[in-house]
């Protein structure tokens, strides 16, 4: 099996299937030197645009789950400065609330029907950042 990144090395987005998702904890050392436990989820996807062991990619990950006609949950992960800027804006678009730190913003949304608007916001941000480079 070839990953999407091996079939199209210039792909910037795609749709895939979640194979599994379960609660997980990550032990890390905080900026103050203290050990810290981050709670989240271990998600296994059917495919990826990230080349395994490729490194160097600054990637924004936007995951949503919920009914298109109602509410749901979302996660935005990536470079901390980008997530800090975009997380509250995504929550606003989805008419929800959320919080985050260290490159991760998660929240609860009331309007999952606006998911494509949030995705467009992220795509515009990425395009703007790419143009600056």
N, C-alpha and C. Protein backbone atom coordinates (compact mmCIF):
# COMPACT_ATOMS: atom_id res chain seq x y z
N UNK A 1 0.84 -1.18 0.00
CA UNK A 1 0.00 0.00 0.00
C UNK A 1 0.89 1.24 0.00
N UNK A 2 0.56 2.19 -0.86
CA UNK A 2 1.28 3.45 -0.90
C UNK A 2 0.45 4.53 -0.22
N UNK A 3 1.11 5.34 0.61
CA UNK A 3 0.41 6.45 1.24
C UNK A 3 0.12 7.54 0.21
N UNK A 4 -0.86 8.37 0.52
CA UNK A 4 -1.22 9.47 -0.37
C UNK A 4 0.01 10.33 -0.67
N UNK A 5 0.84 10.57 0.34
CA UNK A 5 2.03 11.40 0.16
C UNK A 5 3.00 10.79 -0.84
N UNK A 6 2.94 9.47 -1.03
CA UNK A 6 3.81 8.81 -2.00
C UNK A 6 3.21 8.86 -3.40
N UNK A 7 1.90 8.99 -3.49
CA UNK A 7 1.23 9.10 -4.80
C UNK A 7 1.23 10.54 -5.31
N UNK A 8 1.16 11.52 -4.38
CA UNK A 8 1.13 12.93 -4.75
C UNK A 8 1.91 13.71 -3.70
N UNK A 9 3.19 13.93 -3.96
CA UNK A 9 4.05 14.58 -2.96
C UNK A 9 3.75 16.06 -2.78
N UNK A 10 2.91 16.63 -3.63
CA UNK A 10 2.54 18.05 -3.49
C UNK A 10 1.15 18.25 -2.88
N UNK A 11 0.50 17.17 -2.48
CA UNK A 11 -0.84 17.28 -1.90
C UNK A 11 -0.80 18.12 -0.64
N UNK A 12 -1.80 19.00 -0.49
CA UNK A 12 -1.88 19.85 0.69
C UNK A 12 -3.08 19.47 1.55
N UNK A 13 -4.02 18.73 0.97
CA UNK A 13 -5.20 18.32 1.72
C UNK A 13 -5.81 17.08 1.05
N UNK A 14 -6.58 16.35 1.81
CA UNK A 14 -7.29 15.19 1.30
C UNK A 14 -8.26 14.73 2.37
N UNK A 15 -9.12 13.81 2.01
CA UNK A 15 -10.08 13.25 2.96
C UNK A 15 -9.71 11.79 3.19
N UNK A 16 -9.77 11.37 4.45
CA UNK A 16 -9.44 9.99 4.78
C UNK A 16 -10.43 9.46 5.82
N UNK A 17 -10.22 8.24 6.23
CA UNK A 17 -11.09 7.58 7.20
C UNK A 17 -10.34 7.36 8.51
N UNK A 18 -11.02 7.59 9.62
CA UNK A 18 -10.45 7.31 10.93
C UNK A 18 -10.58 5.81 11.18
N UNK A 19 -9.46 5.14 11.38
CA UNK A 19 -9.44 3.70 11.62
C UNK A 19 -9.73 3.42 13.09
N UNK A 20 -9.13 4.23 13.98
CA UNK A 20 -9.39 4.07 15.41
C UNK A 20 -9.12 5.40 16.11
N UNK A 21 -9.76 5.55 17.25
CA UNK A 21 -9.58 6.74 18.06
C UNK A 21 -9.82 6.34 19.51
N UNK A 22 -8.82 6.56 20.36
CA UNK A 22 -8.98 6.20 21.76
C UNK A 22 -8.25 7.21 22.65
N UNK A 23 -8.72 7.38 23.88
CA UNK A 23 -8.07 8.33 24.80
C UNK A 23 -6.61 7.94 25.00
N UNK A 24 -5.77 8.97 25.15
CA UNK A 24 -4.34 8.71 25.35
C UNK A 24 -3.75 9.84 26.19
N UNK A 25 -2.63 9.55 26.81
CA UNK A 25 -1.90 10.54 27.58
C UNK A 25 -0.45 10.55 27.12
N UNK A 26 0.13 11.73 27.13
CA UNK A 26 1.52 11.91 26.74
C UNK A 26 2.24 12.59 27.88
N UNK A 27 3.31 11.98 28.35
CA UNK A 27 4.11 12.60 29.41
C UNK A 27 5.20 13.42 28.74
N UNK A 28 5.29 14.67 29.15
CA UNK A 28 6.27 15.57 28.56
C UNK A 28 6.86 16.46 29.64
N UNK A 29 7.90 17.16 29.29
CA UNK A 29 8.50 18.09 30.23
C UNK A 29 8.08 19.50 29.83
N UNK A 30 7.47 20.22 30.74
CA UNK A 30 7.00 21.58 30.49
C UNK A 30 8.15 22.55 30.38
N UNK A 31 7.84 23.79 30.00
CA UNK A 31 8.87 24.81 29.84
C UNK A 31 9.55 25.15 31.17
N UNK A 32 8.87 24.85 32.28
CA UNK A 32 9.44 25.11 33.60
C UNK A 32 10.25 23.92 34.13
N UNK A 33 10.38 22.88 33.31
CA UNK A 33 11.16 21.71 33.70
C UNK A 33 10.38 20.65 34.43
N UNK A 34 9.14 20.94 34.79
CA UNK A 34 8.31 19.96 35.49
C UNK A 34 7.69 18.99 34.50
N UNK A 35 7.53 17.75 34.96
CA UNK A 35 6.86 16.76 34.12
C UNK A 35 5.38 17.11 34.05
N UNK A 36 4.82 16.91 32.89
CA UNK A 36 3.44 17.29 32.63
C UNK A 36 2.77 16.16 31.85
N UNK A 37 1.51 15.93 32.11
CA UNK A 37 0.75 14.91 31.38
C UNK A 37 -0.29 15.63 30.54
N UNK A 38 -0.23 15.41 29.23
CA UNK A 38 -1.21 15.98 28.31
C UNK A 38 -2.20 14.89 27.94
N UNK A 39 -3.47 15.19 28.09
CA UNK A 39 -4.51 14.24 27.72
C UNK A 39 -5.05 14.58 26.34
N UNK A 40 -5.36 13.57 25.59
CA UNK A 40 -5.89 13.77 24.24
C UNK A 40 -6.37 12.44 23.69
N UNK A 41 -6.19 12.27 22.41
CA UNK A 41 -6.63 11.06 21.74
C UNK A 41 -5.55 10.55 20.81
N UNK A 42 -5.45 9.25 20.72
CA UNK A 42 -4.57 8.63 19.74
C UNK A 42 -5.46 8.28 18.56
N UNK A 43 -5.20 8.92 17.43
CA UNK A 43 -6.03 8.73 16.24
C UNK A 43 -5.20 8.04 15.17
N UNK A 44 -5.74 6.98 14.61
CA UNK A 44 -5.09 6.27 13.51
C UNK A 44 -5.93 6.51 12.27
N UNK A 45 -5.28 7.07 11.24
CA UNK A 45 -5.96 7.37 9.99
C UNK A 45 -5.60 6.33 8.94
N UNK A 46 -6.49 6.15 7.99
CA UNK A 46 -6.27 5.18 6.92
C UNK A 46 -5.12 5.60 6.00
N UNK A 47 -4.92 6.92 5.87
CA UNK A 47 -3.92 7.42 4.93
C UNK A 47 -3.33 8.72 5.48
N UNK A 48 -2.29 9.24 4.83
CA UNK A 48 -1.65 10.47 5.30
C UNK A 48 -1.03 11.23 4.14
N UNK A 49 -0.95 12.57 4.27
CA UNK A 49 -0.18 13.38 3.32
C UNK A 49 1.18 13.71 3.91
N UNK A 50 1.42 13.31 5.15
CA UNK A 50 2.71 13.53 5.79
C UNK A 50 3.62 12.35 5.50
N UNK A 51 4.76 12.62 4.93
CA UNK A 51 5.68 11.53 4.60
C UNK A 51 6.33 11.02 5.87
N UNK A 52 6.20 9.72 6.15
CA UNK A 52 6.80 9.17 7.37
C UNK A 52 8.29 9.47 7.43
N UNK A 53 8.73 10.00 8.55
CA UNK A 53 10.11 10.34 8.81
C UNK A 53 10.65 11.42 7.88
N UNK A 54 9.75 12.12 7.18
CA UNK A 54 10.17 13.17 6.26
C UNK A 54 10.65 14.41 6.98
N UNK A 55 9.98 14.74 8.08
CA UNK A 55 10.37 15.90 8.88
C UNK A 55 10.22 17.21 8.12
N UNK A 56 10.36 18.29 8.85
CA UNK A 56 10.38 19.59 8.23
C UNK A 56 9.03 20.22 7.90
N UNK A 57 7.96 19.44 7.94
CA UNK A 57 6.67 20.00 7.58
C UNK A 57 6.09 20.78 8.75
N UNK A 58 5.60 21.96 8.46
CA UNK A 58 4.81 22.70 9.43
C UNK A 58 3.37 22.46 9.00
N UNK A 59 2.68 21.65 9.72
CA UNK A 59 1.36 21.19 9.32
C UNK A 59 0.30 21.64 10.30
N UNK A 60 -0.84 22.04 9.75
CA UNK A 60 -2.03 22.29 10.56
C UNK A 60 -2.94 21.09 10.41
N UNK A 61 -3.36 20.53 11.50
CA UNK A 61 -4.27 19.40 11.50
C UNK A 61 -5.61 19.89 12.03
N UNK A 62 -6.67 19.70 11.26
CA UNK A 62 -8.01 20.12 11.65
C UNK A 62 -8.92 18.90 11.61
N UNK A 63 -9.34 18.44 12.78
CA UNK A 63 -10.22 17.28 12.87
C UNK A 63 -11.56 17.71 13.45
N UNK A 64 -12.62 17.16 12.89
CA UNK A 64 -13.96 17.44 13.41
C UNK A 64 -14.73 16.14 13.50
N UNK A 65 -15.66 16.12 14.43
CA UNK A 65 -16.58 15.00 14.54
C UNK A 65 -17.91 15.56 14.99
N UNK A 66 -18.98 15.09 14.37
CA UNK A 66 -20.30 15.57 14.75
C UNK A 66 -21.26 15.55 13.59
N UNK A 67 -22.50 15.80 13.92
CA UNK A 67 -23.57 15.80 12.95
C UNK A 67 -23.55 17.11 12.16
N UNK A 68 -23.60 17.02 10.86
CA UNK A 68 -23.59 18.20 9.99
C UNK A 68 -24.74 19.15 10.32
N UNK A 69 -25.83 18.62 10.83
CA UNK A 69 -27.00 19.43 11.14
C UNK A 69 -27.02 19.93 12.58
N UNK A 70 -26.00 19.58 13.35
CA UNK A 70 -26.01 19.96 14.77
C UNK A 70 -24.63 20.34 15.26
N UNK A 71 -24.33 19.92 16.48
CA UNK A 71 -23.07 20.26 17.11
C UNK A 71 -22.05 19.16 16.98
N UNK A 72 -20.87 19.44 17.50
CA UNK A 72 -19.80 18.46 17.46
C UNK A 72 -18.56 18.97 18.16
N UNK A 73 -17.46 18.30 17.92
CA UNK A 73 -16.18 18.62 18.54
C UNK A 73 -15.16 18.90 17.45
N UNK A 74 -14.17 19.72 17.78
CA UNK A 74 -13.10 19.98 16.81
C UNK A 74 -11.76 20.06 17.52
N UNK A 75 -10.72 19.81 16.74
CA UNK A 75 -9.34 19.89 17.21
C UNK A 75 -8.51 20.56 16.13
N UNK A 76 -7.73 21.53 16.52
CA UNK A 76 -6.78 22.17 15.62
C UNK A 76 -5.40 22.00 16.27
N UNK A 77 -4.47 21.44 15.54
CA UNK A 77 -3.12 21.23 16.07
C UNK A 77 -2.09 21.65 15.03
N UNK A 78 -0.97 22.15 15.52
CA UNK A 78 0.08 22.56 14.61
C UNK A 78 1.06 23.48 15.29
N UNK A 79 1.75 24.31 14.50
CA UNK A 79 2.70 25.25 15.09
C UNK A 79 2.00 26.14 16.11
N UNK A 80 2.53 26.27 17.33
CA UNK A 80 1.85 27.00 18.39
C UNK A 80 1.38 28.41 18.02
N UNK A 81 2.18 29.19 17.32
CA UNK A 81 1.78 30.55 16.96
C UNK A 81 0.57 30.53 16.03
N UNK A 82 0.55 29.62 15.09
CA UNK A 82 -0.58 29.51 14.15
C UNK A 82 -1.84 29.08 14.87
N UNK A 83 -1.71 28.08 15.72
CA UNK A 83 -2.87 27.56 16.46
C UNK A 83 -3.42 28.63 17.40
N UNK A 84 -2.53 29.39 18.04
CA UNK A 84 -2.96 30.45 18.95
C UNK A 84 -3.79 31.50 18.21
N UNK A 85 -3.39 31.81 16.98
CA UNK A 85 -4.11 32.78 16.16
C UNK A 85 -5.42 32.21 15.63
N UNK A 86 -5.37 30.98 15.11
CA UNK A 86 -6.50 30.41 14.40
C UNK A 86 -7.55 29.72 15.28
N UNK A 87 -7.13 29.14 16.41
CA UNK A 87 -8.06 28.39 17.25
C UNK A 87 -9.31 29.17 17.62
N UNK A 88 -9.17 30.37 18.20
CA UNK A 88 -10.36 31.15 18.56
C UNK A 88 -11.20 31.54 17.34
N UNK A 89 -10.55 31.76 16.21
CA UNK A 89 -11.30 32.12 14.99
C UNK A 89 -12.11 30.94 14.48
N UNK A 90 -11.53 29.73 14.55
CA UNK A 90 -12.27 28.53 14.14
C UNK A 90 -13.46 28.32 15.07
N UNK A 91 -13.25 28.51 16.38
CA UNK A 91 -14.35 28.37 17.34
C UNK A 91 -15.47 29.36 17.02
N UNK A 92 -15.10 30.58 16.67
CA UNK A 92 -16.09 31.60 16.33
C UNK A 92 -16.89 31.20 15.08
N UNK A 93 -16.20 30.73 14.06
CA UNK A 93 -16.88 30.31 12.82
C UNK A 93 -17.86 29.18 13.11
N UNK A 94 -17.44 28.22 13.93
CA UNK A 94 -18.29 27.06 14.24
C UNK A 94 -19.30 27.37 15.36
N UNK A 95 -19.32 28.63 15.78
CA UNK A 95 -20.21 29.08 16.86
C UNK A 95 -20.07 28.19 18.09
N UNK A 96 -18.81 28.07 18.50
CA UNK A 96 -18.52 27.21 19.65
C UNK A 96 -17.57 27.88 20.62
N UNK A 97 -17.06 27.07 21.51
CA UNK A 97 -16.10 27.51 22.52
C UNK A 97 -14.97 26.51 22.56
N UNK A 98 -13.80 27.00 22.98
CA UNK A 98 -12.68 26.10 23.10
C UNK A 98 -11.51 26.78 23.78
N UNK A 99 -10.46 26.03 23.94
CA UNK A 99 -9.24 26.55 24.55
C UNK A 99 -8.08 25.68 24.09
N UNK A 100 -6.89 26.20 24.33
CA UNK A 100 -5.73 25.40 23.94
C UNK A 100 -4.44 25.98 24.44
N UNK A 101 -3.39 25.20 24.24
CA UNK A 101 -2.04 25.62 24.56
C UNK A 101 -1.07 24.68 23.86
N UNK A 102 0.15 25.16 23.71
CA UNK A 102 1.23 24.35 23.15
C UNK A 102 0.88 23.72 21.80
N UNK A 103 0.27 24.49 20.92
CA UNK A 103 0.01 23.98 19.57
C UNK A 103 -1.21 23.10 19.45
N UNK A 104 -2.11 23.19 20.41
CA UNK A 104 -3.33 22.37 20.33
C UNK A 104 -4.51 23.19 20.85
N UNK A 105 -5.58 23.26 20.07
CA UNK A 105 -6.80 23.98 20.45
C UNK A 105 -7.96 23.04 20.17
N UNK A 106 -8.76 22.79 21.19
CA UNK A 106 -9.91 21.91 20.99
C UNK A 106 -11.15 22.57 21.56
N UNK A 107 -12.29 22.20 20.99
CA UNK A 107 -13.50 22.84 21.45
C UNK A 107 -14.76 22.10 21.06
N UNK A 108 -15.85 22.70 21.47
CA UNK A 108 -17.18 22.19 21.21
C UNK A 108 -17.88 23.20 20.30
N UNK A 109 -18.48 22.74 19.23
CA UNK A 109 -19.13 23.61 18.26
C UNK A 109 -20.63 23.36 18.23
N UNK A 110 -21.39 24.40 17.94
CA UNK A 110 -22.84 24.24 17.81
C UNK A 110 -23.28 24.18 16.36
N UNK A 111 -22.42 24.61 15.43
CA UNK A 111 -22.78 24.67 14.00
C UNK A 111 -21.76 23.93 13.14
N UNK A 112 -21.83 22.62 13.14
CA UNK A 112 -20.91 21.86 12.31
C UNK A 112 -21.21 22.07 10.82
N UNK A 113 -22.35 22.63 10.51
CA UNK A 113 -22.69 22.94 9.12
C UNK A 113 -21.75 24.00 8.56
N UNK A 114 -21.02 24.70 9.41
CA UNK A 114 -20.08 25.73 8.98
C UNK A 114 -18.63 25.22 8.91
N UNK A 115 -18.49 23.90 8.91
CA UNK A 115 -17.16 23.27 8.87
C UNK A 115 -16.35 23.72 7.64
N UNK A 116 -17.03 23.83 6.49
CA UNK A 116 -16.31 24.23 5.28
C UNK A 116 -15.82 25.68 5.37
N UNK A 117 -16.55 26.54 6.08
CA UNK A 117 -16.09 27.92 6.29
C UNK A 117 -14.82 27.93 7.14
N UNK A 118 -14.79 27.09 8.15
CA UNK A 118 -13.59 26.99 9.00
C UNK A 118 -12.42 26.47 8.18
N UNK A 119 -12.68 25.50 7.34
CA UNK A 119 -11.63 24.95 6.49
C UNK A 119 -11.11 26.03 5.53
N UNK A 120 -12.00 26.84 4.98
CA UNK A 120 -11.59 27.93 4.08
C UNK A 120 -10.73 28.95 4.83
N UNK A 121 -11.09 29.25 6.07
CA UNK A 121 -10.29 30.15 6.91
C UNK A 121 -8.87 29.62 7.05
N UNK A 122 -8.74 28.32 7.32
CA UNK A 122 -7.42 27.71 7.48
C UNK A 122 -6.64 27.73 6.16
N UNK A 123 -7.32 27.45 5.06
CA UNK A 123 -6.66 27.45 3.75
C UNK A 123 -6.17 28.85 3.39
N UNK A 124 -6.98 29.87 3.69
CA UNK A 124 -6.55 31.25 3.44
C UNK A 124 -5.31 31.60 4.25
N UNK A 125 -5.31 31.19 5.51
CA UNK A 125 -4.16 31.45 6.38
C UNK A 125 -2.90 30.78 5.82
N UNK A 126 -3.03 29.53 5.42
CA UNK A 126 -1.88 28.80 4.87
C UNK A 126 -1.37 29.47 3.60
N UNK A 127 -2.29 29.88 2.74
CA UNK A 127 -1.89 30.55 1.49
C UNK A 127 -1.16 31.85 1.79
N UNK A 128 -1.65 32.61 2.75
CA UNK A 128 -1.03 33.86 3.13
C UNK A 128 0.37 33.62 3.68
N UNK A 129 0.50 32.60 4.53
CA UNK A 129 1.81 32.28 5.11
C UNK A 129 2.79 31.80 4.04
N UNK A 130 2.30 31.01 3.08
CA UNK A 130 3.16 30.51 2.00
C UNK A 130 3.65 31.65 1.12
N UNK A 131 2.77 32.64 0.90
CA UNK A 131 3.14 33.79 0.06
C UNK A 131 4.23 34.63 0.73
N UNK A 132 4.24 34.65 2.06
CA UNK A 132 5.25 35.42 2.81
C UNK A 132 6.62 34.80 2.74
N UNK A 133 6.66 33.48 2.51
CA UNK A 133 7.95 32.76 2.52
C UNK A 133 8.71 32.89 1.25
